[in-house]
PDB file of all heavy atoms in Angstrom:
ATOM      1  N   GLY A   1       3.171  -8.198 -16.272  1.00  0.00           N
ATOM      2  CA  GLY A   1       3.698  -9.485 -16.774  1.00  0.00           C
ATOM      3  C   GLY A   1       2.715 -10.615 -16.460  1.00  0.00           C
ATOM      4  O   GLY A   1       1.866 -10.477 -15.609  1.00  0.00           O
ATOM      5  N   ALA A   2       2.910 -11.731 -17.147  1.00  0.00           N
ATOM      6  CA  ALA A   2       2.028 -12.875 -16.973  1.00  0.00           C
ATOM      7  C   ALA A   2       2.691 -13.894 -16.041  1.00  0.00           C
ATOM      8  O   ALA A   2       3.954 -13.985 -16.019  1.00  0.00           O
ATOM      9  CB  ALA A   2       1.823 -13.508 -18.368  1.00  0.00           C
ATOM     10  N   ASN A   3       1.862 -14.624 -15.357  1.00  0.00           N
ATOM     11  CA  ASN A   3       2.412 -15.683 -14.529  1.00  0.00           C
ATOM     12  C   ASN A   3       2.435 -16.965 -15.302  1.00  0.00           C
ATOM     13  O   ASN A   3       1.683 -17.859 -15.066  1.00  0.00           O
ATOM     14  CB  ASN A   3       1.457 -15.831 -13.272  1.00  0.00           C
ATOM     15  CG  ASN A   3       2.101 -16.539 -12.147  1.00  0.00           C
ATOM     16  OD1 ASN A   3       3.326 -16.674 -12.076  1.00  0.00           O
ATOM     17  ND2 ASN A   3       1.363 -17.040 -11.245  1.00  0.00           N
ATOM     18  N   SER A   4       3.357 -17.040 -16.279  1.00  0.00           N
ATOM     19  CA  SER A   4       3.467 -18.198 -17.146  1.00  0.00           C
ATOM     20  C   SER A   4       4.949 -18.568 -17.276  1.00  0.00           C
ATOM     21  O   SER A   4       5.828 -17.750 -17.061  1.00  0.00           O
ATOM     22  CB  SER A   4       2.889 -17.872 -18.509  1.00  0.00           C
ATOM     23  OG  SER A   4       3.705 -16.918 -19.216  1.00  0.00           O
ATOM     24  N   THR A   5       5.188 -19.814 -17.738  1.00  0.00           N
ATOM     25  CA  THR A   5       6.567 -20.272 -17.837  1.00  0.00           C
ATOM     26  C   THR A   5       7.341 -19.476 -18.900  1.00  0.00           C
ATOM     27  O   THR A   5       8.530 -19.349 -18.794  1.00  0.00           O
ATOM     28  CB  THR A   5       6.575 -21.753 -18.169  1.00  0.00           C
ATOM     29  OG1 THR A   5       5.789 -22.010 -19.357  1.00  0.00           O
ATOM     30  CG2 THR A   5       6.122 -22.602 -17.014  1.00  0.00           C
ATOM     31  N   ASP A   6       6.629 -18.885 -19.871  1.00  0.00           N
ATOM     32  CA  ASP A   6       7.303 -18.038 -20.854  1.00  0.00           C
ATOM     33  C   ASP A   6       7.870 -16.755 -20.264  1.00  0.00           C
ATOM     34  O   ASP A   6       8.735 -16.131 -20.830  1.00  0.00           O
ATOM     35  CB  ASP A   6       6.345 -17.669 -22.012  1.00  0.00           C
ATOM     36  CG  ASP A   6       5.956 -18.851 -22.866  1.00  0.00           C
ATOM     37  OD1 ASP A   6       6.636 -19.851 -22.811  1.00  0.00           O
ATOM     38  OD2 ASP A   6       4.990 -18.672 -23.585  1.00  0.00           O
ATOM     39  N   ASN A   7       7.359 -16.372 -19.090  1.00  0.00           N
ATOM     40  CA  ASN A   7       7.783 -15.160 -18.460  1.00  0.00           C
ATOM     41  C   ASN A   7       8.579 -15.386 -17.174  1.00  0.00           C
ATOM     42  O   ASN A   7       8.865 -14.503 -16.398  1.00  0.00           O
ATOM     43  CB  ASN A   7       6.502 -14.289 -18.145  1.00  0.00           C
ATOM     44  CG  ASN A   7       6.863 -12.859 -17.695  1.00  0.00           C
ATOM     45  OD1 ASN A   7       7.712 -12.175 -18.252  1.00  0.00           O
ATOM     46  ND2 ASN A   7       6.235 -12.402 -16.643  1.00  0.00           N
ATOM     47  N   LEU A   8       8.986 -16.650 -16.900  1.00  0.00           N
ATOM     48  CA  LEU A   8       9.674 -17.001 -15.751  1.00  0.00           C
ATOM     49  C   LEU A   8      11.091 -17.480 -16.057  1.00  0.00           C
ATOM     50  O   LEU A   8      11.308 -18.076 -17.121  1.00  0.00           O
ATOM     51  CB  LEU A   8       8.911 -18.132 -14.990  1.00  0.00           C
ATOM     52  CG  LEU A   8       7.609 -17.748 -14.333  1.00  0.00           C
ATOM     53  CD1 LEU A   8       6.827 -18.950 -13.970  1.00  0.00           C
ATOM     54  CD2 LEU A   8       7.851 -16.838 -13.159  1.00  0.00           C
ATOM     55  N   TRP A   9      12.003 -17.260 -15.103  1.00  0.00           N
ATOM     56  CA  TRP A   9      13.348 -17.767 -15.206  1.00  0.00           C
ATOM     57  C   TRP A   9      13.966 -17.864 -13.818  1.00  0.00           C
ATOM     58  O   TRP A   9      13.542 -17.167 -12.919  1.00  0.00           O
ATOM     59  CB  TRP A   9      14.185 -16.826 -16.109  1.00  0.00           C
ATOM     60  CG  TRP A   9      14.297 -15.395 -15.635  1.00  0.00           C
ATOM     61  CD1 TRP A   9      13.261 -14.485 -15.537  1.00  0.00           C
ATOM     62  CD2 TRP A   9      15.462 -14.691 -15.187  1.00  0.00           C
ATOM     63  NE1 TRP A   9      13.747 -13.289 -15.105  1.00  0.00           N
ATOM     64  CE2 TRP A   9      15.056 -13.387 -14.883  1.00  0.00           C
ATOM     65  CE3 TRP A   9      16.788 -15.035 -15.037  1.00  0.00           C
ATOM     66  CZ2 TRP A   9      15.968 -12.447 -14.406  1.00  0.00           C
ATOM     67  CZ3 TRP A   9      17.658 -14.100 -14.607  1.00  0.00           C
ATOM     68  CH2 TRP A   9      17.288 -12.827 -14.296  1.00  0.00           C
ATOM     69  N   PRO A  10      14.913 -18.774 -13.597  1.00  0.00           N
ATOM     70  CA  PRO A  10      15.515 -18.851 -12.308  1.00  0.00           C
ATOM     71  C   PRO A  10      16.576 -17.760 -12.143  1.00  0.00           C
ATOM     72  O   PRO A  10      17.518 -17.675 -12.878  1.00  0.00           O
ATOM     73  CB  PRO A  10      16.204 -20.271 -12.353  1.00  0.00           C
ATOM     74  CG  PRO A  10      16.315 -20.602 -13.735  1.00  0.00           C
ATOM     75  CD  PRO A  10      15.358 -19.779 -14.521  1.00  0.00           C
ATOM     76  N   GLU A  11      16.380 -16.914 -11.102  1.00  0.00           N
ATOM     77  CA  GLU A  11      17.307 -15.820 -10.880  1.00  0.00           C
ATOM     78  C   GLU A  11      18.022 -16.037  -9.586  1.00  0.00           C
ATOM     79  O   GLU A  11      17.422 -16.347  -8.548  1.00  0.00           O
ATOM     80  CB  GLU A  11      16.556 -14.476 -10.875  1.00  0.00           C
ATOM     81  CG  GLU A  11      17.492 -13.358 -10.747  1.00  0.00           C
ATOM     82  CD  GLU A  11      16.802 -12.009 -10.888  1.00  0.00           C
ATOM     83  OE1 GLU A  11      15.601 -11.950 -10.684  1.00  0.00           O
ATOM     84  OE2 GLU A  11      17.545 -11.021 -11.240  1.00  0.00           O
ATOM     85  N   ALA A  12      19.328 -15.908  -9.617  1.00  0.00           N
ATOM     86  CA  ALA A  12      20.185 -16.128  -8.424  1.00  0.00           C
ATOM     87  C   ALA A  12      20.155 -14.869  -7.513  1.00  0.00           C
ATOM     88  O   ALA A  12      19.990 -13.763  -7.959  1.00  0.00           O
ATOM     89  CB  ALA A  12      21.583 -16.404  -8.870  1.00  0.00           C
ATOM     90  N   ALA A  13      20.381 -15.089  -6.261  1.00  0.00           N
ATOM     91  CA  ALA A  13      20.537 -14.001  -5.278  1.00  0.00           C
ATOM     92  C   ALA A  13      21.912 -13.434  -5.350  1.00  0.00           C
ATOM     93  O   ALA A  13      22.160 -12.202  -5.173  1.00  0.00           O
ATOM     94  CB  ALA A  13      20.253 -14.507  -3.872  1.00  0.00           C
ATOM     95  N   TRP A  14      22.926 -14.285  -5.625  1.00  0.00           N
ATOM     96  CA  TRP A  14      24.342 -13.874  -5.634  1.00  0.00           C
ATOM     97  C   TRP A  14      24.985 -14.370  -6.870  1.00  0.00           C
ATOM     98  O   TRP A  14      24.622 -15.418  -7.407  1.00  0.00           O
ATOM     99  CB  TRP A  14      25.021 -14.535  -4.405  1.00  0.00           C
ATOM    100  CG  TRP A  14      24.312 -14.234  -3.143  1.00  0.00           C
ATOM    101  CD1 TRP A  14      23.479 -15.089  -2.466  1.00  0.00           C
ATOM    102  CD2 TRP A  14      24.331 -13.018  -2.386  1.00  0.00           C
ATOM    103  NE1 TRP A  14      22.950 -14.453  -1.395  1.00  0.00           N
ATOM    104  CE2 TRP A  14      23.443 -13.193  -1.320  1.00  0.00           C
ATOM    105  CE3 TRP A  14      24.983 -11.763  -2.575  1.00  0.00           C
ATOM    106  CZ2 TRP A  14      23.231 -12.191  -0.377  1.00  0.00           C
ATOM    107  CZ3 TRP A  14      24.742 -10.809  -1.600  1.00  0.00           C
ATOM    108  CH2 TRP A  14      23.911 -11.008  -0.566  1.00  0.00           C
ATOM    109  N   PRO A  15      25.908 -13.631  -7.481  1.00  0.00           N
ATOM    110  CA  PRO A  15      26.436 -12.390  -6.973  1.00  0.00           C
ATOM    111  C   PRO A  15      25.447 -11.238  -7.140  1.00  0.00           C
ATOM    112  O   PRO A  15      24.530 -11.399  -7.937  1.00  0.00           O
ATOM    113  CB  PRO A  15      27.677 -12.169  -7.812  1.00  0.00           C
ATOM    114  CG  PRO A  15      27.385 -12.814  -9.136  1.00  0.00           C
ATOM    115  CD  PRO A  15      26.476 -13.970  -8.774  1.00  0.00           C
ATOM    116  N   ARG A  16      25.648 -10.199  -6.413  1.00  0.00           N
ATOM    117  CA  ARG A  16      24.848  -9.065  -6.516  1.00  0.00           C
ATOM    118  C   ARG A  16      25.243  -8.232  -7.731  1.00  0.00           C
ATOM    119  O   ARG A  16      26.414  -8.199  -8.037  1.00  0.00           O
ATOM    120  CB  ARG A  16      24.967  -8.163  -5.275  1.00  0.00           C
ATOM    121  CG  ARG A  16      24.350  -8.846  -4.056  1.00  0.00           C
ATOM    122  CD  ARG A  16      24.426  -8.004  -2.831  1.00  0.00           C
ATOM    123  NE  ARG A  16      23.622  -6.766  -2.999  1.00  0.00           N
ATOM    124  CZ  ARG A  16      23.663  -5.759  -2.166  1.00  0.00           C
ATOM    125  NH1 ARG A  16      24.482  -5.750  -1.147  1.00  0.00           N
ATOM    126  NH2 ARG A  16      22.929  -4.691  -2.365  1.00  0.00           N
ATOM    127  N   PRO A  17      24.341  -7.627  -8.460  1.00  0.00           N
ATOM    128  CA  PRO A  17      22.900  -7.581  -8.144  1.00  0.00           C
ATOM    129  C   PRO A  17      22.272  -8.879  -8.521  1.00  0.00           C
ATOM    130  O   PRO A  17      22.565  -9.486  -9.592  1.00  0.00           O
ATOM    131  CB  PRO A  17      22.432  -6.432  -8.982  1.00  0.00           C
ATOM    132  CG  PRO A  17      23.380  -6.296 -10.115  1.00  0.00           C
ATOM    133  CD  PRO A  17      24.704  -6.780  -9.579  1.00  0.00           C
ATOM    134  N   GLY A  18      21.345  -9.312  -7.678  1.00  0.00           N
ATOM    135  CA  GLY A  18      20.614 -10.551  -7.855  1.00  0.00           C
ATOM    136  C   GLY A  18      19.113 -10.304  -7.746  1.00  0.00           C
ATOM    137  O   GLY A  18      18.691  -9.142  -7.877  1.00  0.00           O
ATOM    138  N   PHE A  19      18.363 -11.310  -7.349  1.00  0.00           N
ATOM    139  CA  PHE A  19      16.914 -11.155  -7.378  1.00  0.00           C
ATOM    140  C   PHE A  19      16.438 -10.097  -6.360  1.00  0.00           C
ATOM    141  O   PHE A  19      15.413  -9.457  -6.508  1.00  0.00           O
ATOM    142  CB  PHE A  19      16.148 -12.473  -7.271  1.00  0.00           C
ATOM    143  CG  PHE A  19      16.255 -13.226  -5.979  1.00  0.00           C
ATOM    144  CD1 PHE A  19      15.526 -12.870  -4.868  1.00  0.00           C
ATOM    145  CD2 PHE A  19      17.030 -14.374  -5.903  1.00  0.00           C
ATOM    146  CE1 PHE A  19      15.581 -13.596  -3.678  1.00  0.00           C
ATOM    147  CE2 PHE A  19      17.067 -15.142  -4.763  1.00  0.00           C
ATOM    148  CZ  PHE A  19      16.367 -14.709  -3.626  1.00  0.00           C
ATOM    149  N   HIS A  20      17.147  -9.911  -5.230  1.00  0.00           N
ATOM    150  CA  HIS A  20      16.741  -8.927  -4.245  1.00  0.00           C
ATOM    151  C   HIS A  20      16.857  -7.512  -4.846  1.00  0.00           C
ATOM    152  O   HIS A  20      15.889  -6.718  -4.668  1.00  0.00           O
ATOM    153  CB  HIS A  20      17.658  -8.942  -3.017  1.00  0.00           C
ATOM    154  CG  HIS A  20      17.575 -10.230  -2.231  1.00  0.00           C
ATOM    155  ND1 HIS A  20      16.515 -10.576  -1.497  1.00  0.00           N
ATOM    156  CD2 HIS A  20      18.502 -11.231  -2.092  1.00  0.00           C
ATOM    157  CE1 HIS A  20      16.714 -11.745  -0.930  1.00  0.00           C
ATOM    158  NE2 HIS A  20      17.903 -12.194  -1.314  1.00  0.00           N
ATOM    159  N   GLU A  21      17.836  -7.279  -5.612  1.00  0.00           N
ATOM    160  CA  GLU A  21      17.994  -5.931  -6.222  1.00  0.00           C
ATOM    161  C   GLU A  21      16.966  -5.791  -7.370  1.00  0.00           C
ATOM    162  O   GLU A  21      16.444  -4.684  -7.604  1.00  0.00           O
ATOM    163  CB  GLU A  21      19.456  -5.701  -6.769  1.00  0.00           C
ATOM    164  CG  GLU A  21      20.430  -5.595  -5.657  1.00  0.00           C
ATOM    165  CD  GLU A  21      20.809  -6.821  -4.931  1.00  0.00           C
ATOM    166  OE1 GLU A  21      20.641  -7.957  -5.491  1.00  0.00           O
ATOM    167  OE2 GLU A  21      21.305  -6.768  -3.761  1.00  0.00           O
ATOM    168  N   LYS A  22      16.712  -6.873  -8.081  1.00  0.00           N
ATOM    169  CA  LYS A  22      15.673  -6.778  -9.162  1.00  0.00           C
ATOM    170  C   LYS A  22      14.281  -6.432  -8.509  1.00  0.00           C
ATOM    171  O   LYS A  22      13.531  -5.704  -9.107  1.00  0.00           O
ATOM    172  CB  LYS A  22      15.580  -8.031  -9.982  1.00  0.00           C
ATOM    173  CG  LYS A  22      14.589  -7.878 -11.129  1.00  0.00           C
ATOM    174  CD  LYS A  22      14.651  -9.082 -12.110  1.00  0.00           C
ATOM    175  CE  LYS A  22      13.670  -8.864 -13.223  1.00  0.00           C
ATOM    176  NZ  LYS A  22      12.348  -9.337 -12.876  1.00  0.00           N
ATOM    177  N   ASP A  23      14.046  -6.966  -7.357  1.00  0.00           N
ATOM    178  CA  ASP A  23      12.807  -6.619  -6.641  1.00  0.00           C
ATOM    179  C   ASP A  23      12.749  -5.113  -6.402  1.00  0.00           C
ATOM    180  O   ASP A  23      11.632  -4.558  -6.541  1.00  0.00           O
ATOM    181  CB  ASP A  23      12.719  -7.398  -5.295  1.00  0.00           C
ATOM    182  CG  ASP A  23      12.488  -8.870  -5.480  1.00  0.00           C
ATOM    183  OD1 ASP A  23      12.121  -9.287  -6.595  1.00  0.00           O
ATOM    184  OD2 ASP A  23      12.651  -9.625  -4.495  1.00  0.00           O
ATOM    185  N   GLU A  24      13.849  -4.478  -6.036  1.00  0.00           N
ATOM    186  CA  GLU A  24      13.891  -3.039  -5.833  1.00  0.00           C
ATOM    187  C   GLU A  24      13.489  -2.314  -7.158  1.00  0.00           C
ATOM    188  O   GLU A  24      12.767  -1.350  -7.159  1.00  0.00           O
ATOM    189  CB  GLU A  24      15.246  -2.589  -5.389  1.00  0.00           C
ATOM    190  CG  GLU A  24      15.679  -3.041  -4.024  1.00  0.00           C
ATOM    191  CD  GLU A  24      17.100  -2.692  -3.712  1.00  0.00           C
ATOM    192  OE1 GLU A  24      17.663  -1.759  -4.334  1.00  0.00           O
ATOM    193  OE2 GLU A  24      17.675  -3.297  -2.799  1.00  0.00           O
ATOM    194  N   VAL A  25      14.072  -2.830  -8.236  1.00  0.00           N
ATOM    195  CA  VAL A  25      13.793  -2.204  -9.589  1.00  0.00           C
ATOM    196  C   VAL A  25      12.306  -2.354  -9.899  1.00  0.00           C
ATOM    197  O   VAL A  25      11.659  -1.431 -10.397  1.00  0.00           O
ATOM    198  CB  VAL A  25      14.643  -2.890 -10.664  1.00  0.00           C
ATOM    199  CG1 VAL A  25      14.241  -2.422 -12.056  1.00  0.00           C
ATOM    200  CG2 VAL A  25      16.121  -2.541 -10.431  1.00  0.00           C
ATOM    201  N   GLU A  26      11.728  -3.501  -9.666  1.00  0.00           N
ATOM    202  CA  GLU A  26      10.321  -3.785  -9.898  1.00  0.00           C
ATOM    203  C   GLU A  26       9.468  -2.753  -9.151  1.00  0.00           C
ATOM    204  O   GLU A  26       8.539  -2.173  -9.742  1.00  0.00           O
ATOM    205  CB  GLU A  26       9.944  -5.204  -9.555  1.00  0.00           C
ATOM    206  CG  GLU A  26      10.578  -6.245 -10.406  1.00  0.00           C
ATOM    207  CD  GLU A  26      10.417  -7.658  -9.871  1.00  0.00           C
ATOM    208  OE1 GLU A  26       9.696  -7.856  -8.831  1.00  0.00           O
ATOM    209  OE2 GLU A  26      10.973  -8.591 -10.475  1.00  0.00           O
ATOM    210  N   ASN A  27       9.750  -2.558  -7.885  1.00  0.00           N
ATOM    211  CA  ASN A  27       8.982  -1.665  -7.060  1.00  0.00           C
ATOM    212  C   ASN A  27       9.151  -0.217  -7.562  1.00  0.00           C
ATOM    213  O   ASN A  27       8.164   0.573  -7.603  1.00  0.00           O
ATOM    214  CB  ASN A  27       9.376  -1.749  -5.586  1.00  0.00           C
ATOM    215  CG  ASN A  27       9.009  -3.115  -5.003  1.00  0.00           C
ATOM    216  OD1 ASN A  27       8.063  -3.806  -5.453  1.00  0.00           O
ATOM    217  ND2 ASN A  27       9.786  -3.539  -4.048  1.00  0.00           N
ATOM    218  N   TYR A  28      10.365   0.125  -7.859  1.00  0.00           N
ATOM    219  CA  TYR A  28      10.667   1.510  -8.356  1.00  0.00           C
ATOM    220  C   TYR A  28       9.914   1.800  -9.652  1.00  0.00           C
ATOM    221  O   TYR A  28       9.208   2.857  -9.791  1.00  0.00           O
ATOM    222  CB  TYR A  28      12.154   1.715  -8.557  1.00  0.00           C
ATOM    223  CG  TYR A  28      12.569   2.910  -9.299  1.00  0.00           C
ATOM    224  CD1 TYR A  28      12.477   4.153  -8.705  1.00  0.00           C
ATOM    225  CD2 TYR A  28      12.980   2.841 -10.647  1.00  0.00           C
ATOM    226  CE1 TYR A  28      12.824   5.317  -9.418  1.00  0.00           C
ATOM    227  CE2 TYR A  28      13.307   3.993 -11.342  1.00  0.00           C
ATOM    228  CZ  TYR A  28      13.251   5.230 -10.730  1.00  0.00           C
ATOM    229  OH  TYR A  28      13.554   6.339 -11.419  1.00  0.00           O
ATOM    230  N   LEU A  29       9.998   0.884 -10.609  1.00  0.00           N
ATOM    231  CA  LEU A  29       9.289   1.066 -11.902  1.00  0.00           C
ATOM    232  C   LEU A  29       7.797   1.123 -11.730  1.00  0.00           C
ATOM    233  O   LEU A  29       7.101   1.885 -12.359  1.00  0.00           O
ATOM    234  CB  LEU A  29       9.713   0.049 -12.940  1.00  0.00           C
ATOM    235  CG  LEU A  29      11.171   0.154 -13.409  1.00  0.00           C
ATOM    236  CD1 LEU A  29      11.514  -1.027 -14.329  1.00  0.00           C
ATOM    237  CD2 LEU A  29      11.437   1.478 -14.100  1.00  0.00           C
ATOM    238  N   HIS A  30       7.297   0.263 -10.839  1.00  0.00           N
ATOM    239  CA  HIS A  30       5.865   0.297 -10.549  1.00  0.00           C
ATOM    240  C   HIS A  30       5.395   1.615 -10.040  1.00  0.00           C
ATOM    241  O   HIS A  30       4.364   2.161 -10.490  1.00  0.00           O
ATOM    242  CB  HIS A  30       5.510  -0.831  -9.522  1.00  0.00           C
ATOM    243  CG  HIS A  30       4.033  -0.949  -9.222  1.00  0.00           C
ATOM    244  ND1 HIS A  30       3.523  -0.444  -8.108  1.00  0.00           N
ATOM    245  CD2 HIS A  30       3.071  -1.512  -9.930  1.00  0.00           C
ATOM    246  CE1 HIS A  30       2.214  -0.688  -8.066  1.00  0.00           C
ATOM    247  NE2 HIS A  30       1.909  -1.340  -9.200  1.00  0.00           N
ATOM    248  N   ARG A  31       6.150   2.187  -9.094  1.00  0.00           N
ATOM    249  CA  ARG A  31       5.831   3.537  -8.583  1.00  0.00           C
ATOM    250  C   ARG A  31       5.910   4.560  -9.714  1.00  0.00           C
ATOM    251  O   ARG A  31       5.021   5.460  -9.769  1.00  0.00           O
ATOM    252  CB  ARG A  31       6.776   3.945  -7.460  1.00  0.00           C
ATOM    253  CG  ARG A  31       6.557   3.253  -6.145  1.00  0.00           C
ATOM    254  CD  ARG A  31       7.323   3.863  -4.983  1.00  0.00           C
ATOM    255  NE  ARG A  31       8.781   3.976  -5.262  1.00  0.00           N
ATOM    256  CZ  ARG A  31       9.646   2.983  -5.020  1.00  0.00           C
ATOM    257  NH1 ARG A  31       9.250   1.823  -4.473  1.00  0.00           N
ATOM    258  NH2 ARG A  31      10.941   3.131  -5.219  1.00  0.00           N
ATOM    259  N   GLN A  32       6.912   4.543 -10.553  1.00  0.00           N
ATOM    260  CA  GLN A  32       7.028   5.463 -11.643  1.00  0.00           C
ATOM    261  C   GLN A  32       5.796   5.404 -12.564  1.00  0.00           C
ATOM    262  O   GLN A  32       5.303   6.448 -12.952  1.00  0.00           O
ATOM    263  CB  GLN A  32       8.333   5.188 -12.458  1.00  0.00           C
ATOM    264  CG  GLN A  32       9.619   5.420 -11.682  1.00  0.00           C
ATOM    265  CD  GLN A  32       9.728   6.806 -11.172  1.00  0.00           C
ATOM    266  OE1 GLN A  32       9.423   7.164 -10.034  1.00  0.00           O
ATOM    267  NE2 GLN A  32      10.172   7.723 -12.038  1.00  0.00           N
ATOM    268  N   VAL A  33       5.395   4.232 -12.915  1.00  0.00           N
ATOM    269  CA  VAL A  33       4.261   4.025 -13.818  1.00  0.00           C
ATOM    270  C   VAL A  33       2.970   4.565 -13.132  1.00  0.00           C
ATOM    271  O   VAL A  33       2.226   5.286 -13.700  1.00  0.00           O
ATOM    272  CB  VAL A  33       4.077   2.527 -14.236  1.00  0.00           C
ATOM    273  CG1 VAL A  33       2.715   2.309 -14.852  1.00  0.00           C
ATOM    274  CG2 VAL A  33       5.224   2.100 -15.151  1.00  0.00           C
ATOM    275  N   CYS A  34       2.759   4.155 -11.928  1.00  0.00           N
ATOM    276  CA  CYS A  34       1.481   4.535 -11.256  1.00  0.00           C
ATOM    277  C   CYS A  34       1.429   5.960 -10.840  1.00  0.00           C
ATOM    278  O   CYS A  34       0.335   6.523 -10.633  1.00  0.00           O
ATOM    279  CB  CYS A  34       1.276   3.619 -10.020  1.00  0.00           C
ATOM    280  SG  CYS A  34       1.000   1.862 -10.549  1.00  0.00           S
ATOM    281  N   ARG A  35       2.552   6.658 -10.776  1.00  0.00           N
ATOM    282  CA  ARG A  35       2.581   8.096 -10.527  1.00  0.00           C
ATOM    283  C   ARG A  35       2.562   8.905 -11.845  1.00  0.00           C
ATOM    284  O   ARG A  35       2.623  10.167 -11.821  1.00  0.00           O
ATOM    285  CB  ARG A  35       3.821   8.490  -9.712  1.00  0.00           C
ATOM    286  CG  ARG A  35       3.745   7.949  -8.288  1.00  0.00           C
ATOM    287  CD  ARG A  35       5.031   8.241  -7.556  1.00  0.00           C
ATOM    288  NE  ARG A  35       4.871   7.706  -6.175  1.00  0.00           N
ATOM    289  CZ  ARG A  35       5.958   7.540  -5.368  1.00  0.00           C
ATOM    290  NH1 ARG A  35       7.149   7.884  -5.807  1.00  0.00           N
ATOM    291  NH2 ARG A  35       5.756   7.078  -4.174  1.00  0.00           N
ATOM    292  N   GLY A  36       2.464   8.187 -12.979  1.00  0.00           N
ATOM    293  CA  GLY A  36       2.383   8.832 -14.252  1.00  0.00           C
ATOM    294  C   GLY A  36       3.737   9.447 -14.762  1.00  0.00           C
ATOM    295  O   GLY A  36       3.766  10.208 -15.673  1.00  0.00           O
ATOM    296  N   ARG A  37       4.817   8.986 -14.238  1.00  0.00           N
ATOM    297  CA  ARG A  37       6.161   9.463 -14.633  1.00  0.00           C
ATOM    298  C   ARG A  37       6.777   8.621 -15.726  1.00  0.00           C
ATOM    299  O   ARG A  37       7.822   9.061 -16.263  1.00  0.00           O
ATOM    300  CB  ARG A  37       7.084   9.477 -13.351  1.00  0.00           C
ATOM    301  CG  ARG A  37       6.633  10.407 -12.300  1.00  0.00           C
ATOM    302  CD  ARG A  37       7.550  10.366 -11.108  1.00  0.00           C
ATOM    303  NE  ARG A  37       7.036  11.258 -10.078  1.00  0.00           N
ATOM    304  CZ  ARG A  37       7.331  11.116  -8.819  1.00  0.00           C
ATOM    305  NH1 ARG A  37       8.166  10.175  -8.416  1.00  0.00           N
ATOM    306  NH2 ARG A  37       6.834  11.958  -7.922  1.00  0.00           N
ATOM    307  N   MET A  38       6.199   7.488 -16.058  1.00  0.00           N
ATOM    308  CA  MET A  38       6.744   6.624 -17.057  1.00  0.00           C
ATOM    309  C   MET A  38       5.600   5.817 -17.633  1.00  0.00           C
ATOM    310  O   MET A  38       4.662   5.433 -16.919  1.00  0.00           O
ATOM    311  CB  MET A  38       7.734   5.656 -16.396  1.00  0.00           C
ATOM    312  CG  MET A  38       8.423   4.693 -17.329  1.00  0.00           C
ATOM    313  SD  MET A  38       9.600   3.589 -16.435  1.00  0.00           S
ATOM    314  CE  MET A  38      10.861   4.763 -15.971  1.00  0.00           C
ATOM    315  N   THR A  39       5.682   5.507 -18.917  1.00  0.00           N
ATOM    316  CA  THR A  39       4.653   4.650 -19.557  1.00  0.00           C
ATOM    317  C   THR A  39       4.877   3.186 -19.138  1.00  0.00           C
ATOM    318  O   THR A  39       6.042   2.791 -18.826  1.00  0.00           O
ATOM    319  CB  THR A  39       4.619   4.739 -21.074  1.00  0.00           C
ATOM    320  OG1 THR A  39       5.841   4.236 -21.530  1.00  0.00           O
ATOM    321  CG2 THR A  39       4.439   6.188 -21.523  1.00  0.00           C
ATOM    322  N   ILE A  40       3.849   2.396 -19.133  1.00  0.00           N
ATOM    323  CA  ILE A  40       4.055   0.998 -18.816  1.00  0.00           C
ATOM    324  C   ILE A  40       4.910   0.339 -19.913  1.00  0.00           C
ATOM    325  O   ILE A  40       5.757  -0.567 -19.544  1.00  0.00           O
ATOM    326  CB  ILE A  40       2.642   0.317 -18.691  1.00  0.00           C
ATOM    327  CG1 ILE A  40       2.798  -1.150 -18.194  1.00  0.00           C
ATOM    328  CG2 ILE A  40       1.905   0.259 -20.009  1.00  0.00           C
ATOM    329  CD1 ILE A  40       3.323  -1.253 -16.770  1.00  0.00           C
ATOM    330  N   ALA A  41       4.806   0.700 -21.136  1.00  0.00           N
ATOM    331  CA  ALA A  41       5.622   0.124 -22.210  1.00  0.00           C
ATOM    332  C   ALA A  41       7.101   0.383 -21.962  1.00  0.00           C
ATOM    333  O   ALA A  41       7.920  -0.488 -22.128  1.00  0.00           O
ATOM    334  CB  ALA A  41       5.201   0.644 -23.576  1.00  0.00           C
ATOM    335  N   ARG A  42       7.406   1.599 -21.546  1.00  0.00           N
ATOM    336  CA  ARG A  42       8.795   1.976 -21.238  1.00  0.00           C
ATOM    337  C   ARG A  42       9.363   1.178 -20.052  1.00  0.00           C
ATOM    338  O   ARG A  42      10.481   0.729 -20.068  1.00  0.00           O
ATOM    339  CB  ARG A  42       8.891   3.473 -20.996  1.00  0.00           C
ATOM    340  CG  ARG A  42      10.335   3.879 -20.780  1.00  0.00           C
ATOM    341  CD  ARG A  42      10.422   5.412 -20.688  1.00  0.00           C
ATOM    342  NE  ARG A  42      11.754   5.767 -20.149  1.00  0.00           N
ATOM    343  CZ  ARG A  42      11.927   6.863 -19.385  1.00  0.00           C
ATOM    344  NH1 ARG A  42      10.943   7.660 -19.090  1.00  0.00           N
ATOM    345  NH2 ARG A  42      13.129   7.110 -18.917  1.00  0.00           N
TER     346      ARG A  42
END
């Protein structure tokens, strides 16, 4: 993703799931892509 206002939004921590849980998703998907288990587009 790009570090631009078109790619940014204010995300709440609460109620859950919030930005903490999205961080978990980001890390999980990054691992999947870098291990060759998922395409970056997917």
